Amino acid sequence: MGAQAMSPKSQELWVREELVIVPLQAVSATDAITQLGAKLQAARCVKESWVQATIDREEVFATGLPTKEIGVAIPHTDVVHVLKQAIAVGVLEEPVEFMEMGNPDSTVLVRIVCALAVPRSESMVKVLQRLVKMFQSPETLRAIAGAGSAAKIVEIFGQHLSIKLGGK
């Protein structure tokens, strides 16, 4: 198959209600990653190794984004731990600290966590670029943080993501 654009209907391949935790009650970045990883694993999107690999990677390559008003983190790991594409989303009731991307001496108070399962390494940059662009809008961040339901979060992501990926 050739490259395809994700329409809001095909968005379910990435963000689905069963992959959303709202509100996410976590005491640390590790706790948030573990809970979202359990969702990804239950949906057979990642291998059992994904959680620990993501936690380990987060210590070296931080994913906290210092966005305006509402902090975001996009934890992910190598494709070897991924079975199929997905994004698990958690909206934290109380923010937790993630180390800042590109500045490990600084932390970001995060309320929105998007745990990525991307099965093709060449697709990772596209996915990250689309998410970062989406999170540059304070209105979008407020909409996600205030969504209150998994269905609403799926709808918001469906409206904002359009990722073209090659392969299957």
N, C-alpha and C. Protein backbone atom coordinates (compact mmCIF):
# COMPACT_ATOMS: atom_id res chain seq x y z
N MET A 1 0.84 -1.18 0.00
CA MET A 1 0.00 0.00 0.00
C MET A 1 0.87 1.24 0.00
N GLY A 2 0.38 2.30 -0.60
CA GLY A 2 1.12 3.55 -0.64
C GLY A 2 0.83 4.38 0.59
N ALA A 3 1.32 5.61 0.57
CA ALA A 3 1.08 6.51 1.70
C ALA A 3 -0.40 6.86 1.76
N GLN A 4 -0.88 7.06 2.97
CA GLN A 4 -2.28 7.42 3.11
C GLN A 4 -2.42 8.50 4.16
N ALA A 5 -3.36 9.39 3.96
CA ALA A 5 -3.65 10.43 4.95
C ALA A 5 -4.67 9.87 5.93
N MET A 6 -4.50 10.24 7.19
CA MET A 6 -5.47 9.79 8.18
C MET A 6 -6.63 10.76 8.21
N SER A 7 -7.80 10.28 7.92
CA SER A 7 -9.00 11.08 8.05
C SER A 7 -9.50 10.93 9.49
N PRO A 8 -10.44 11.77 9.92
CA PRO A 8 -10.96 11.58 11.27
C PRO A 8 -11.49 10.17 11.51
N LYS A 9 -12.06 9.52 10.48
CA LYS A 9 -12.56 8.16 10.67
C LYS A 9 -11.42 7.18 10.90
N SER A 10 -10.31 7.31 10.14
CA SER A 10 -9.20 6.38 10.31
C SER A 10 -8.37 6.73 11.53
N GLN A 11 -8.69 7.87 12.18
CA GLN A 11 -7.98 8.29 13.38
C GLN A 11 -8.03 7.21 14.46
N GLU A 12 -9.07 6.40 14.45
CA GLU A 12 -9.20 5.34 15.44
C GLU A 12 -7.98 4.43 15.45
N LEU A 13 -7.26 4.36 14.36
CA LEU A 13 -6.05 3.56 14.32
C LEU A 13 -5.01 4.10 15.30
N TRP A 14 -5.08 5.38 15.60
CA TRP A 14 -4.10 6.00 16.50
C TRP A 14 -4.66 6.22 17.89
N VAL A 15 -5.67 7.05 18.04
CA VAL A 15 -6.24 7.36 19.35
C VAL A 15 -7.64 6.76 19.39
N ARG A 16 -7.81 5.82 20.31
CA ARG A 16 -9.11 5.16 20.49
C ARG A 16 -9.53 5.32 21.95
N GLU A 17 -10.82 5.27 22.18
CA GLU A 17 -11.32 5.49 23.54
C GLU A 17 -10.69 4.57 24.57
N GLU A 18 -10.45 3.32 24.20
CA GLU A 18 -9.87 2.39 25.19
C GLU A 18 -8.41 2.69 25.50
N LEU A 19 -7.82 3.64 24.78
CA LEU A 19 -6.43 4.05 25.02
C LEU A 19 -6.34 5.39 25.74
N VAL A 20 -7.47 5.89 26.23
CA VAL A 20 -7.51 7.19 26.90
C VAL A 20 -7.82 6.99 28.38
N ILE A 21 -7.07 7.69 29.22
CA ILE A 21 -7.36 7.70 30.66
C ILE A 21 -7.63 9.14 31.07
N VAL A 22 -8.88 9.40 31.45
CA VAL A 22 -9.27 10.72 31.90
C VAL A 22 -10.26 10.58 33.06
N PRO A 23 -9.93 11.03 34.24
CA PRO A 23 -8.66 11.62 34.60
C PRO A 23 -7.61 10.54 34.90
N LEU A 24 -6.37 10.86 34.57
CA LEU A 24 -5.24 9.99 34.90
C LEU A 24 -4.72 10.42 36.27
N GLN A 25 -4.69 9.49 37.19
CA GLN A 25 -4.19 9.79 38.53
C GLN A 25 -2.83 9.11 38.66
N ALA A 26 -1.78 9.93 38.59
CA ALA A 26 -0.41 9.41 38.66
C ALA A 26 0.39 10.28 39.62
N VAL A 27 1.37 9.67 40.25
CA VAL A 27 2.20 10.41 41.21
C VAL A 27 3.55 10.80 40.63
N SER A 28 3.87 10.29 39.44
CA SER A 28 5.16 10.58 38.82
C SER A 28 5.08 10.32 37.32
N ALA A 29 6.11 10.75 36.61
CA ALA A 29 6.19 10.47 35.17
C ALA A 29 6.22 8.96 34.94
N THR A 30 6.97 8.25 35.74
CA THR A 30 7.06 6.79 35.61
C THR A 30 5.69 6.14 35.80
N ASP A 31 4.95 6.61 36.78
CA ASP A 31 3.60 6.08 37.03
C ASP A 31 2.69 6.35 35.84
N ALA A 32 2.75 7.55 35.28
CA ALA A 32 1.91 7.89 34.11
C ALA A 32 2.27 7.00 32.92
N ILE A 33 3.57 6.83 32.66
CA ILE A 33 4.02 5.98 31.55
C ILE A 33 3.56 4.54 31.77
N THR A 34 3.67 4.06 33.00
CA THR A 34 3.27 2.68 33.31
C THR A 34 1.78 2.47 33.06
N GLN A 35 0.95 3.40 33.50
CA GLN A 35 -0.50 3.26 33.31
C GLN A 35 -0.89 3.32 31.83
N LEU A 36 -0.30 4.25 31.09
CA LEU A 36 -0.61 4.34 29.66
C LEU A 36 -0.04 3.15 28.90
N GLY A 37 1.12 2.68 29.33
CA GLY A 37 1.71 1.49 28.72
C GLY A 37 0.83 0.26 28.92
N ALA A 38 0.20 0.17 30.09
CA ALA A 38 -0.71 -0.95 30.35
C ALA A 38 -1.90 -0.91 29.39
N LYS A 39 -2.39 0.28 29.09
CA LYS A 39 -3.48 0.42 28.11
C LYS A 39 -3.02 -0.04 26.73
N LEU A 40 -1.83 0.41 26.32
CA LEU A 40 -1.29 0.01 25.02
C LEU A 40 -1.07 -1.50 24.94
N GLN A 41 -0.59 -2.07 26.04
CA GLN A 41 -0.35 -3.52 26.06
C GLN A 41 -1.67 -4.29 26.02
N ALA A 42 -2.67 -3.84 26.77
CA ALA A 42 -3.97 -4.51 26.78
C ALA A 42 -4.61 -4.49 25.39
N ALA A 43 -4.33 -3.44 24.63
CA ALA A 43 -4.88 -3.32 23.27
C ALA A 43 -3.99 -4.01 22.23
N ARG A 44 -2.97 -4.69 22.72
CA ARG A 44 -2.02 -5.42 21.86
C ARG A 44 -1.31 -4.51 20.85
N CYS A 45 -0.99 -3.30 21.31
CA CYS A 45 -0.26 -2.35 20.46
C CYS A 45 1.24 -2.38 20.73
N VAL A 46 1.62 -2.81 21.94
CA VAL A 46 3.03 -2.86 22.31
C VAL A 46 3.35 -4.18 23.00
N LYS A 47 4.64 -4.49 23.02
CA LYS A 47 5.12 -5.67 23.74
C LYS A 47 5.23 -5.33 25.23
N GLU A 48 5.36 -6.37 26.03
CA GLU A 48 5.52 -6.21 27.47
C GLU A 48 6.73 -5.33 27.80
N SER A 49 7.73 -5.35 26.95
CA SER A 49 8.98 -4.60 27.16
C SER A 49 8.82 -3.09 26.97
N TRP A 50 7.70 -2.64 26.40
CA TRP A 50 7.54 -1.23 26.05
C TRP A 50 7.65 -0.30 27.26
N VAL A 51 6.99 -0.63 28.35
CA VAL A 51 6.97 0.26 29.52
C VAL A 51 8.38 0.51 30.03
N GLN A 52 9.13 -0.54 30.32
CA GLN A 52 10.48 -0.34 30.86
C GLN A 52 11.39 0.35 29.86
N ALA A 53 11.27 -0.01 28.59
CA ALA A 53 12.10 0.62 27.55
C ALA A 53 11.78 2.12 27.45
N THR A 54 10.52 2.47 27.60
CA THR A 54 10.11 3.88 27.52
C THR A 54 10.60 4.65 28.75
N ILE A 55 10.48 4.05 29.92
CA ILE A 55 10.98 4.68 31.14
C ILE A 55 12.49 4.89 31.04
N ASP A 56 13.21 3.88 30.57
CA ASP A 56 14.67 3.99 30.41
C ASP A 56 15.03 5.08 29.41
N ARG A 57 14.30 5.14 28.31
CA ARG A 57 14.58 6.15 27.27
C ARG A 57 14.29 7.55 27.80
N GLU A 58 13.25 7.68 28.58
CA GLU A 58 12.85 8.98 29.14
C GLU A 58 13.98 9.57 29.99
N GLU A 59 14.75 8.72 30.66
CA GLU A 59 15.86 9.20 31.49
C GLU A 59 16.98 9.80 30.65
N VAL A 60 17.13 9.32 29.42
CA VAL A 60 18.21 9.79 28.54
C VAL A 60 17.71 10.85 27.56
N PHE A 61 16.54 10.61 26.98
CA PHE A 61 15.94 11.51 26.00
C PHE A 61 14.57 11.96 26.52
N ALA A 62 14.59 13.03 27.30
CA ALA A 62 13.36 13.53 27.93
C ALA A 62 12.34 13.98 26.89
N THR A 63 11.06 13.89 27.23
CA THR A 63 9.99 14.22 26.28
C THR A 63 9.01 15.28 26.79
N GLY A 64 9.33 15.95 27.89
CA GLY A 64 8.46 17.02 28.38
C GLY A 64 8.57 18.26 27.52
N LEU A 65 7.43 18.78 27.08
CA LEU A 65 7.40 19.98 26.23
C LEU A 65 6.92 21.17 27.05
N PRO A 66 7.71 22.24 27.09
CA PRO A 66 7.30 23.43 27.86
C PRO A 66 6.31 24.27 27.07
N THR A 67 5.14 23.72 26.83
CA THR A 67 4.10 24.42 26.07
C THR A 67 3.45 25.49 26.95
N LYS A 68 2.77 26.42 26.31
CA LYS A 68 2.11 27.49 27.05
C LYS A 68 0.96 26.94 27.89
N GLU A 69 0.91 27.35 29.13
CA GLU A 69 -0.18 27.05 30.06
C GLU A 69 -0.22 25.62 30.55
N ILE A 70 -0.27 24.64 29.64
CA ILE A 70 -0.47 23.24 30.02
C ILE A 70 0.67 22.41 29.47
N GLY A 71 1.46 21.81 30.36
CA GLY A 71 2.61 21.00 29.94
C GLY A 71 2.18 19.68 29.32
N VAL A 72 2.99 19.22 28.37
CA VAL A 72 2.72 17.99 27.63
C VAL A 72 3.99 17.14 27.62
N ALA A 73 3.82 15.83 27.63
CA ALA A 73 4.94 14.90 27.42
C ALA A 73 4.53 13.88 26.38
N ILE A 74 5.52 13.44 25.59
CA ILE A 74 5.27 12.48 24.52
C ILE A 74 6.24 11.31 24.65
N PRO A 75 6.09 10.49 25.70
CA PRO A 75 7.02 9.37 25.89
C PRO A 75 6.86 8.31 24.79
N HIS A 76 7.99 7.76 24.38
CA HIS A 76 8.01 6.72 23.35
C HIS A 76 9.34 5.98 23.42
N THR A 77 9.45 4.91 22.65
CA THR A 77 10.69 4.13 22.63
C THR A 77 10.90 3.54 21.25
N ASP A 78 11.89 2.67 21.15
CA ASP A 78 12.25 2.07 19.86
C ASP A 78 11.15 1.20 19.30
N VAL A 79 11.11 1.13 17.98
CA VAL A 79 10.07 0.38 17.27
C VAL A 79 10.08 -1.12 17.59
N VAL A 80 11.19 -1.64 18.06
CA VAL A 80 11.27 -3.07 18.37
C VAL A 80 10.26 -3.47 19.46
N HIS A 81 9.80 -2.50 20.24
CA HIS A 81 8.86 -2.77 21.33
C HIS A 81 7.40 -2.56 20.92
N VAL A 82 7.17 -2.21 19.65
CA VAL A 82 5.83 -1.83 19.17
C VAL A 82 5.26 -2.90 18.25
N LEU A 83 3.99 -3.22 18.43
CA LEU A 83 3.29 -4.18 17.57
C LEU A 83 2.44 -3.49 16.51
N LYS A 84 1.75 -2.41 16.90
CA LYS A 84 0.96 -1.65 15.93
C LYS A 84 0.79 -0.22 16.41
N GLN A 85 0.48 0.66 15.48
CA GLN A 85 0.41 2.09 15.77
C GLN A 85 -0.72 2.45 16.72
N ALA A 86 -0.39 3.35 17.64
CA ALA A 86 -1.39 3.84 18.59
C ALA A 86 -0.82 5.00 19.37
N ILE A 87 -1.71 5.80 19.91
CA ILE A 87 -1.34 6.84 20.86
C ILE A 87 -2.28 6.69 22.05
N ALA A 88 -1.69 6.43 23.22
CA ALA A 88 -2.47 6.40 24.46
C ALA A 88 -2.38 7.79 25.07
N VAL A 89 -3.52 8.33 25.48
CA VAL A 89 -3.57 9.70 26.00
C VAL A 89 -4.06 9.68 27.44
N GLY A 90 -3.34 10.40 28.29
CA GLY A 90 -3.76 10.57 29.67
C GLY A 90 -3.83 12.04 30.01
N VAL A 91 -4.92 12.45 30.64
CA VAL A 91 -5.05 13.82 31.13
C VAL A 91 -4.97 13.74 32.65
N LEU A 92 -3.87 14.25 33.16
CA LEU A 92 -3.61 14.14 34.59
C LEU A 92 -4.50 15.06 35.41
N GLU A 93 -4.99 14.51 36.51
CA GLU A 93 -5.79 15.30 37.44
C GLU A 93 -4.89 16.35 38.09
N GLU A 94 -3.70 15.93 38.49
CA GLU A 94 -2.68 16.82 39.05
C GLU A 94 -1.42 16.64 38.22
N PRO A 95 -0.75 17.73 37.85
CA PRO A 95 0.44 17.59 37.00
C PRO A 95 1.57 16.82 37.69
N VAL A 96 2.38 16.17 36.87
CA VAL A 96 3.59 15.50 37.35
C VAL A 96 4.78 16.05 36.57
N GLU A 97 5.97 15.93 37.14
CA GLU A 97 7.17 16.45 36.50
C GLU A 97 7.74 15.46 35.50
N PHE A 98 8.02 15.96 34.30
CA PHE A 98 8.80 15.25 33.30
C PHE A 98 10.03 16.10 33.03
N MET A 99 11.13 15.49 32.70
CA MET A 99 12.30 16.27 32.30
C MET A 99 11.99 16.91 30.95
N GLU A 100 12.52 18.11 30.74
CA GLU A 100 12.24 18.87 29.52
C GLU A 100 13.04 18.32 28.34
N MET A 101 12.36 18.18 27.21
CA MET A 101 13.00 17.73 25.97
C MET A 101 14.12 18.70 25.60
N GLY A 102 15.32 18.18 25.39
CA GLY A 102 16.45 18.99 24.98
C GLY A 102 17.11 19.78 26.10
N ASN A 103 16.57 19.70 27.32
CA ASN A 103 17.12 20.44 28.45
C ASN A 103 16.92 19.62 29.72
N PRO A 104 17.70 18.55 29.89
CA PRO A 104 17.48 17.64 31.02
C PRO A 104 17.72 18.25 32.40
N ASP A 105 18.26 19.48 32.45
CA ASP A 105 18.45 20.14 33.73
C ASP A 105 17.18 20.84 34.19
N SER A 106 16.17 20.84 33.35
CA SER A 106 14.92 21.52 33.65
C SER A 106 13.76 20.52 33.61
N THR A 107 12.71 20.82 34.36
CA THR A 107 11.53 19.95 34.34
C THR A 107 10.32 20.74 33.86
N VAL A 108 9.31 19.99 33.44
CA VAL A 108 8.05 20.56 32.98
C VAL A 108 6.94 19.92 33.80
N LEU A 109 6.03 20.74 34.30
CA LEU A 109 4.84 20.20 34.97
C LEU A 109 3.85 19.82 33.87
N VAL A 110 3.59 18.53 33.77
CA VAL A 110 2.81 17.97 32.65
C VAL A 110 1.41 17.58 33.10
N ARG A 111 0.42 17.95 32.28
CA ARG A 111 -0.97 17.52 32.52
C ARG A 111 -1.47 16.59 31.43
N ILE A 112 -0.85 16.65 30.23
CA ILE A 112 -1.28 15.81 29.11
C ILE A 112 -0.11 14.92 28.70
N VAL A 113 -0.34 13.61 28.70
CA VAL A 113 0.70 12.66 28.31
C VAL A 113 0.19 11.86 27.12
N CYS A 114 0.98 11.84 26.05
CA CYS A 114 0.67 11.06 24.85
C CYS A 114 1.75 10.01 24.69
N ALA A 115 1.43 8.78 25.03
CA ALA A 115 2.38 7.67 24.92
C ALA A 115 2.28 7.09 23.52
N LEU A 116 3.38 7.13 22.79
CA LEU A 116 3.37 6.73 21.38
C LEU A 116 3.80 5.29 21.17
N ALA A 117 3.10 4.63 20.28
CA ALA A 117 3.49 3.32 19.77
C ALA A 117 3.56 3.48 18.25
N VAL A 118 4.76 3.66 17.74
CA VAL A 118 4.96 3.87 16.30
C VAL A 118 5.82 2.73 15.78
N PRO A 119 5.26 1.89 14.90
CA PRO A 119 5.95 0.67 14.47
C PRO A 119 7.04 0.86 13.42
N ARG A 120 7.14 2.04 12.85
CA ARG A 120 8.15 2.28 11.81
C ARG A 120 8.98 3.49 12.19
N SER A 121 10.30 3.31 12.30
CA SER A 121 11.16 4.40 12.76
C SER A 121 11.08 5.62 11.86
N GLU A 122 10.91 5.41 10.55
CA GLU A 122 10.84 6.56 9.63
C GLU A 122 9.55 7.35 9.81
N SER A 123 8.57 6.78 10.49
CA SER A 123 7.30 7.48 10.74
C SER A 123 7.34 8.30 12.03
N MET A 124 8.26 7.99 12.93
CA MET A 124 8.30 8.64 14.24
C MET A 124 8.42 10.16 14.13
N VAL A 125 9.30 10.64 13.27
CA VAL A 125 9.49 12.09 13.14
C VAL A 125 8.20 12.77 12.69
N LYS A 126 7.50 12.17 11.73
CA LYS A 126 6.23 12.75 11.26
C LYS A 126 5.20 12.82 12.38
N VAL A 127 5.11 11.75 13.14
CA VAL A 127 4.14 11.71 14.23
C VAL A 127 4.48 12.78 15.27
N LEU A 128 5.75 12.85 15.66
CA LEU A 128 6.17 13.85 16.65
C LEU A 128 5.94 15.27 16.14
N GLN A 129 6.25 15.53 14.88
CA GLN A 129 6.04 16.86 14.31
C GLN A 129 4.57 17.26 14.36
N ARG A 130 3.68 16.34 14.00
CA ARG A 130 2.24 16.65 14.01
C ARG A 130 1.76 16.92 15.44
N LEU A 131 2.23 16.12 16.39
CA LEU A 131 1.80 16.33 17.77
C LEU A 131 2.32 17.66 18.31
N VAL A 132 3.60 17.96 18.06
CA VAL A 132 4.17 19.22 18.54
C VAL A 132 3.41 20.40 17.94
N LYS A 133 3.10 20.33 16.65
CA LYS A 133 2.34 21.40 16.01
C LYS A 133 0.96 21.55 16.68
N MET A 134 0.31 20.43 16.93
CA MET A 134 -1.00 20.44 17.57
C MET A 134 -0.92 21.09 18.96
N PHE A 135 0.15 20.77 19.69
CA PHE A 135 0.29 21.26 21.06
C PHE A 135 0.78 22.70 21.15
N GLN A 136 1.08 23.33 20.03
CA GLN A 136 1.46 24.74 20.04
C GLN A 136 0.24 25.65 20.21
N SER A 137 -0.94 25.08 20.08
CA SER A 137 -2.17 25.86 20.23
C SER A 137 -2.67 25.77 21.67
N PRO A 138 -2.63 26.90 22.41
CA PRO A 138 -3.16 26.87 23.78
C PRO A 138 -4.63 26.46 23.83
N GLU A 139 -5.40 26.83 22.79
CA GLU A 139 -6.82 26.46 22.75
C GLU A 139 -6.99 24.95 22.68
N THR A 140 -6.15 24.30 21.87
CA THR A 140 -6.22 22.84 21.75
C THR A 140 -5.84 22.18 23.07
N LEU A 141 -4.79 22.69 23.71
CA LEU A 141 -4.38 22.13 25.00
C LEU A 141 -5.49 22.28 26.04
N ARG A 142 -6.12 23.45 26.06
CA ARG A 142 -7.23 23.65 27.01
C ARG A 142 -8.39 22.72 26.70
N ALA A 143 -8.66 22.50 25.42
CA ALA A 143 -9.76 21.60 25.03
C ALA A 143 -9.47 20.18 25.48
N ILE A 144 -8.24 19.72 25.31
CA ILE A 144 -7.87 18.36 25.74
C ILE A 144 -7.96 18.26 27.26
N ALA A 145 -7.35 19.22 27.96
CA ALA A 145 -7.33 19.18 29.42
C ALA A 145 -8.73 19.24 30.01
N GLY A 146 -9.65 19.94 29.34
CA GLY A 146 -11.01 20.08 29.85
C GLY A 146 -12.02 19.14 29.23
N ALA A 147 -11.55 18.21 28.42
CA ALA A 147 -12.46 17.34 27.66
C ALA A 147 -13.39 16.52 28.56
N GLY A 148 -12.85 15.93 29.61
CA GLY A 148 -13.68 15.19 30.54
C GLY A 148 -14.13 13.81 30.12
N SER A 149 -13.93 13.45 28.85
CA SER A 149 -14.32 12.11 28.41
C SER A 149 -13.36 11.61 27.33
N ALA A 150 -13.23 10.30 27.27
CA ALA A 150 -12.38 9.68 26.25
C ALA A 150 -12.90 10.00 24.86
N ALA A 151 -14.22 9.98 24.68
CA ALA A 151 -14.80 10.25 23.36
C ALA A 151 -14.44 11.65 22.87
N LYS A 152 -14.48 12.62 23.76
CA LYS A 152 -14.15 14.00 23.38
C LYS A 152 -12.67 14.11 23.01
N ILE A 153 -11.81 13.43 23.74
CA ILE A 153 -10.37 13.47 23.44
C ILE A 153 -10.10 12.83 22.08
N VAL A 154 -10.74 11.71 21.79
CA VAL A 154 -10.59 11.07 20.48
C VAL A 154 -11.03 12.04 19.38
N GLU A 155 -12.13 12.74 19.62
CA GLU A 155 -12.64 13.71 18.64
C GLU A 155 -11.63 14.84 18.40
N ILE A 156 -11.05 15.37 19.47
CA ILE A 156 -10.09 16.47 19.35
C ILE A 156 -8.86 16.02 18.56
N PHE A 157 -8.33 14.85 18.88
CA PHE A 157 -7.17 14.35 18.15
C PHE A 157 -7.53 14.10 16.69
N GLY A 158 -8.72 13.60 16.45
CA GLY A 158 -9.17 13.36 15.08
C GLY A 158 -9.24 14.63 14.25
N GLN A 159 -9.58 15.74 14.89
CA GLN A 159 -9.67 17.02 14.19
C GLN A 159 -8.30 17.61 13.88
N HIS A 160 -7.28 17.24 14.64
CA HIS A 160 -5.99 17.90 14.51
C HIS A 160 -4.89 17.07 13.87
N LEU A 161 -5.01 15.77 13.87
CA LEU A 161 -3.93 14.94 13.33
C LEU A 161 -4.21 14.54 11.90
N SER A 162 -3.21 14.66 11.09
CA SER A 162 -3.26 14.17 9.71
C SER A 162 -1.85 13.71 9.39
N ILE A 163 -1.60 12.42 9.57
CA ILE A 163 -0.24 11.89 9.43
C ILE A 163 -0.19 10.98 8.22
N LYS A 164 0.70 11.28 7.31
CA LYS A 164 0.87 10.42 6.13
C LYS A 164 2.03 9.47 6.40
N LEU A 165 1.75 8.19 6.32
CA LEU A 165 2.76 7.18 6.58
C LEU A 165 2.83 6.22 5.42
N GLY A 166 4.02 5.77 5.12
CA GLY A 166 4.18 4.77 4.07
C GLY A 166 4.01 3.38 4.65
N GLY A 167 3.97 2.39 3.80
CA GLY A 167 3.89 1.00 4.24
C GLY A 167 2.49 0.59 4.60
N LYS A 168 2.41 -0.51 5.36
CA LYS A 168 1.11 -1.08 5.71
C LYS A 168 0.39 -0.24 6.73
